[in-house]
């Protein structure tokens, strides 16, 4: 999808279409990860989830993992 850069103060910004914002659950003020892939130079923006902080899983990440385990409980029990 093509997007235009817009000037915001002394910076440039890329706007996101509303359907993408809804799908990713983005809200104004949220932090995202922005990187350049060294393999091909692509610019990547991720709705970041911090996995660990101070050597422990963050509460949000732990919640995501627990939710996944609960949803797939029957599958995991079948593997054991």
N, C-alpha and C. Protein backbone atom coordinates (compact mmCIF):
# COMPACT_ATOMS: atom_id res chain seq x y z
N UNK A 1 0.84 -1.16 0.00
CA UNK A 1 0.00 0.00 0.00
C UNK A 1 0.89 1.24 0.00
N UNK A 2 0.55 2.17 -0.80
CA UNK A 2 1.32 3.42 -0.86
C UNK A 2 0.72 4.43 0.09
N UNK A 3 1.58 5.15 0.79
CA UNK A 3 1.17 6.21 1.71
C UNK A 3 2.06 7.41 1.45
N UNK A 4 1.55 8.61 1.68
CA UNK A 4 2.34 9.82 1.53
C UNK A 4 2.92 10.23 2.87
N UNK A 5 4.12 10.78 2.82
CA UNK A 5 4.73 11.36 4.02
C UNK A 5 4.12 12.72 4.26
N UNK A 6 3.85 13.03 5.52
CA UNK A 6 3.33 14.35 5.87
C UNK A 6 4.28 14.99 6.87
N UNK A 7 4.40 16.29 6.79
CA UNK A 7 5.29 17.03 7.68
C UNK A 7 4.57 17.30 9.00
N UNK A 8 5.25 16.93 10.10
CA UNK A 8 4.73 17.19 11.43
C UNK A 8 5.87 17.86 12.20
N UNK A 9 5.76 19.17 12.39
CA UNK A 9 6.86 19.90 13.02
C UNK A 9 8.09 19.82 12.14
N UNK A 10 9.22 19.38 12.71
CA UNK A 10 10.46 19.21 11.94
C UNK A 10 10.65 17.78 11.48
N UNK A 11 9.63 16.94 11.64
CA UNK A 11 9.73 15.52 11.29
C UNK A 11 8.79 15.18 10.15
N UNK A 12 8.91 13.94 9.68
CA UNK A 12 7.98 13.40 8.69
C UNK A 12 7.22 12.26 9.34
N UNK A 13 5.97 12.06 8.93
CA UNK A 13 5.15 10.99 9.49
C UNK A 13 4.45 10.25 8.35
N UNK A 14 4.14 9.00 8.62
CA UNK A 14 3.36 8.18 7.70
C UNK A 14 2.02 7.91 8.38
N UNK A 15 0.94 8.22 7.71
CA UNK A 15 -0.37 7.95 8.30
C UNK A 15 -0.76 6.50 8.01
N UNK A 16 -1.59 5.94 8.89
CA UNK A 16 -2.07 4.57 8.72
C UNK A 16 -3.56 4.60 8.45
N UNK A 17 -4.04 3.76 7.55
CA UNK A 17 -5.48 3.73 7.28
C UNK A 17 -6.25 3.22 8.50
N UNK A 18 -7.47 3.69 8.66
CA UNK A 18 -8.24 3.38 9.85
C UNK A 18 -8.48 1.88 10.04
N UNK A 19 -8.65 1.12 8.94
CA UNK A 19 -8.88 -0.33 9.11
C UNK A 19 -7.65 -1.02 9.69
N UNK A 20 -6.45 -0.55 9.33
CA UNK A 20 -5.22 -1.11 9.88
C UNK A 20 -5.09 -0.73 11.35
N UNK A 21 -5.43 0.49 11.68
CA UNK A 21 -5.37 0.96 13.07
C UNK A 21 -6.28 0.10 13.95
N UNK A 22 -7.49 -0.16 13.46
CA UNK A 22 -8.43 -0.99 14.21
C UNK A 22 -7.93 -2.42 14.34
N UNK A 23 -7.44 -2.98 13.25
CA UNK A 23 -6.98 -4.37 13.25
C UNK A 23 -5.83 -4.59 14.23
N UNK A 24 -4.93 -3.61 14.33
CA UNK A 24 -3.78 -3.72 15.22
C UNK A 24 -4.06 -3.22 16.63
N UNK A 25 -5.22 -2.63 16.83
CA UNK A 25 -5.57 -2.11 18.15
C UNK A 25 -4.70 -0.93 18.56
N UNK A 26 -4.32 -0.10 17.60
CA UNK A 26 -3.47 1.05 17.88
C UNK A 26 -4.29 2.21 18.42
N UNK A 27 -3.66 2.98 19.29
CA UNK A 27 -4.29 4.18 19.85
C UNK A 27 -3.27 5.31 19.88
N UNK A 28 -3.74 6.56 19.81
CA UNK A 28 -2.81 7.68 19.88
C UNK A 28 -1.96 7.61 21.14
N UNK A 29 -0.68 7.85 20.99
CA UNK A 29 0.23 7.85 22.13
C UNK A 29 0.90 6.51 22.39
N UNK A 30 0.42 5.43 21.73
CA UNK A 30 1.05 4.12 21.93
C UNK A 30 2.46 4.13 21.33
N UNK A 31 3.34 3.35 21.93
CA UNK A 31 4.68 3.18 21.37
C UNK A 31 4.68 2.04 20.37
N UNK A 32 5.40 2.21 19.28
CA UNK A 32 5.60 1.17 18.29
C UNK A 32 7.09 1.04 18.02
N UNK A 33 7.49 -0.10 17.48
CA UNK A 33 8.87 -0.31 17.09
C UNK A 33 9.03 0.09 15.63
N UNK A 34 10.05 0.87 15.32
CA UNK A 34 10.32 1.27 13.94
C UNK A 34 11.77 0.91 13.64
N UNK A 35 11.98 0.11 12.58
CA UNK A 35 13.32 -0.36 12.23
C UNK A 35 13.49 -0.36 10.72
N UNK A 36 14.75 -0.42 10.32
CA UNK A 36 15.09 -0.63 8.92
C UNK A 36 15.71 -2.02 8.82
N UNK A 37 15.17 -2.85 7.95
CA UNK A 37 15.70 -4.20 7.76
C UNK A 37 16.99 -4.08 6.96
N UNK A 38 18.12 -4.51 7.54
CA UNK A 38 19.40 -4.36 6.86
C UNK A 38 19.52 -5.22 5.60
N UNK A 39 18.69 -6.25 5.48
CA UNK A 39 18.78 -7.13 4.31
C UNK A 39 18.28 -6.45 3.04
N UNK A 40 17.18 -5.69 3.16
CA UNK A 40 16.61 -5.11 1.94
C UNK A 40 16.28 -3.62 2.06
N UNK A 41 16.57 -3.03 3.24
CA UNK A 41 16.32 -1.60 3.42
C UNK A 41 14.87 -1.25 3.66
N UNK A 42 14.01 -2.26 3.85
CA UNK A 42 12.60 -1.95 4.09
C UNK A 42 12.41 -1.34 5.46
N UNK A 43 11.45 -0.46 5.56
CA UNK A 43 11.12 0.21 6.81
C UNK A 43 9.96 -0.55 7.44
N UNK A 44 10.16 -0.99 8.67
CA UNK A 44 9.19 -1.85 9.34
C UNK A 44 8.70 -1.16 10.61
N UNK A 45 7.39 -1.11 10.77
CA UNK A 45 6.78 -0.58 11.99
C UNK A 45 5.98 -1.71 12.62
N UNK A 46 6.25 -1.99 13.88
CA UNK A 46 5.55 -3.06 14.60
C UNK A 46 4.84 -2.47 15.81
N UNK A 47 3.62 -2.95 16.02
CA UNK A 47 2.93 -2.62 17.27
C UNK A 47 3.66 -3.43 18.33
N UNK A 48 4.62 -2.81 18.95
CA UNK A 48 5.56 -3.53 19.81
C UNK A 48 4.96 -4.11 21.07
N UNK A 49 5.41 -5.28 21.39
CA UNK A 49 5.11 -5.92 22.66
C UNK A 49 6.45 -6.16 23.32
N UNK A 50 6.68 -5.55 24.47
CA UNK A 50 7.90 -5.85 25.21
C UNK A 50 7.73 -7.22 25.83
N UNK A 51 8.69 -8.09 25.57
CA UNK A 51 8.60 -9.45 26.07
C UNK A 51 9.17 -9.57 27.48
N UNK A 52 10.29 -8.91 27.71
CA UNK A 52 10.95 -9.02 29.01
C UNK A 52 11.39 -7.65 29.48
N UNK A 53 11.36 -7.46 30.77
CA UNK A 53 11.81 -6.23 31.39
C UNK A 53 12.43 -6.61 32.72
N UNK A 54 13.66 -6.19 32.95
CA UNK A 54 14.37 -6.51 34.20
C UNK A 54 14.43 -8.01 34.45
N UNK A 55 14.62 -8.79 33.37
CA UNK A 55 14.80 -10.23 33.51
C UNK A 55 13.53 -11.04 33.67
N UNK A 56 12.36 -10.41 33.64
CA UNK A 56 11.10 -11.14 33.80
C UNK A 56 10.17 -10.80 32.64
N UNK A 57 9.24 -11.70 32.38
CA UNK A 57 8.23 -11.44 31.36
C UNK A 57 7.36 -10.27 31.79
N UNK A 58 7.06 -9.38 30.86
CA UNK A 58 6.19 -8.26 31.19
C UNK A 58 4.78 -8.79 31.44
N UNK A 59 3.98 -8.10 32.24
CA UNK A 59 2.61 -8.55 32.50
C UNK A 59 1.79 -8.72 31.21
N UNK A 60 1.97 -7.83 30.25
CA UNK A 60 1.20 -7.93 29.01
C UNK A 60 1.60 -9.19 28.24
N UNK A 61 2.91 -9.45 28.14
CA UNK A 61 3.37 -10.63 27.42
C UNK A 61 2.91 -11.90 28.13
N UNK A 62 3.03 -11.93 29.45
CA UNK A 62 2.58 -13.09 30.23
C UNK A 62 1.09 -13.33 30.00
N UNK A 63 0.32 -12.26 29.93
CA UNK A 63 -1.11 -12.38 29.67
C UNK A 63 -1.38 -12.95 28.29
N UNK A 64 -0.63 -12.50 27.29
CA UNK A 64 -0.79 -13.03 25.93
C UNK A 64 -0.48 -14.52 25.89
N UNK A 65 0.61 -14.93 26.56
CA UNK A 65 0.99 -16.34 26.60
C UNK A 65 -0.08 -17.16 27.31
N UNK A 66 -0.53 -16.70 28.46
CA UNK A 66 -1.56 -17.43 29.21
C UNK A 66 -2.85 -17.56 28.40
N UNK A 67 -3.21 -16.50 27.68
CA UNK A 67 -4.40 -16.54 26.84
C UNK A 67 -4.24 -17.61 25.75
N UNK A 68 -3.07 -17.66 25.13
CA UNK A 68 -2.81 -18.66 24.10
C UNK A 68 -2.89 -20.07 24.68
N UNK A 69 -2.29 -20.27 25.84
CA UNK A 69 -2.31 -21.59 26.48
C UNK A 69 -3.75 -22.01 26.76
N UNK A 70 -4.56 -21.10 27.28
CA UNK A 70 -5.96 -21.43 27.58
C UNK A 70 -6.74 -21.79 26.31
N UNK A 71 -6.52 -21.02 25.24
CA UNK A 71 -7.24 -21.28 23.99
C UNK A 71 -6.84 -22.60 23.36
N UNK A 72 -5.60 -23.02 23.57
CA UNK A 72 -5.07 -24.25 22.95
C UNK A 72 -4.89 -25.38 23.95
N UNK A 73 -5.51 -25.27 25.11
CA UNK A 73 -5.31 -26.26 26.18
C UNK A 73 -5.51 -27.70 25.71
N UNK A 74 -6.61 -27.97 24.99
CA UNK A 74 -6.88 -29.33 24.52
C UNK A 74 -5.76 -29.84 23.62
N UNK A 75 -5.26 -29.00 22.77
CA UNK A 75 -4.17 -29.38 21.87
C UNK A 75 -2.91 -29.73 22.66
N UNK A 76 -2.55 -28.87 23.59
CA UNK A 76 -1.34 -29.12 24.38
C UNK A 76 -1.46 -30.36 25.25
N UNK A 77 -2.63 -30.59 25.82
CA UNK A 77 -2.82 -31.80 26.63
C UNK A 77 -2.73 -33.05 25.76
N UNK A 78 -3.20 -32.96 24.51
CA UNK A 78 -3.09 -34.07 23.60
C UNK A 78 -1.65 -34.39 23.23
N UNK A 79 -0.80 -33.40 23.25
CA UNK A 79 0.63 -33.62 22.96
C UNK A 79 1.36 -34.31 24.11
N UNK A 80 0.85 -34.13 25.33
CA UNK A 80 1.60 -34.64 26.49
C UNK A 80 1.39 -36.11 26.75
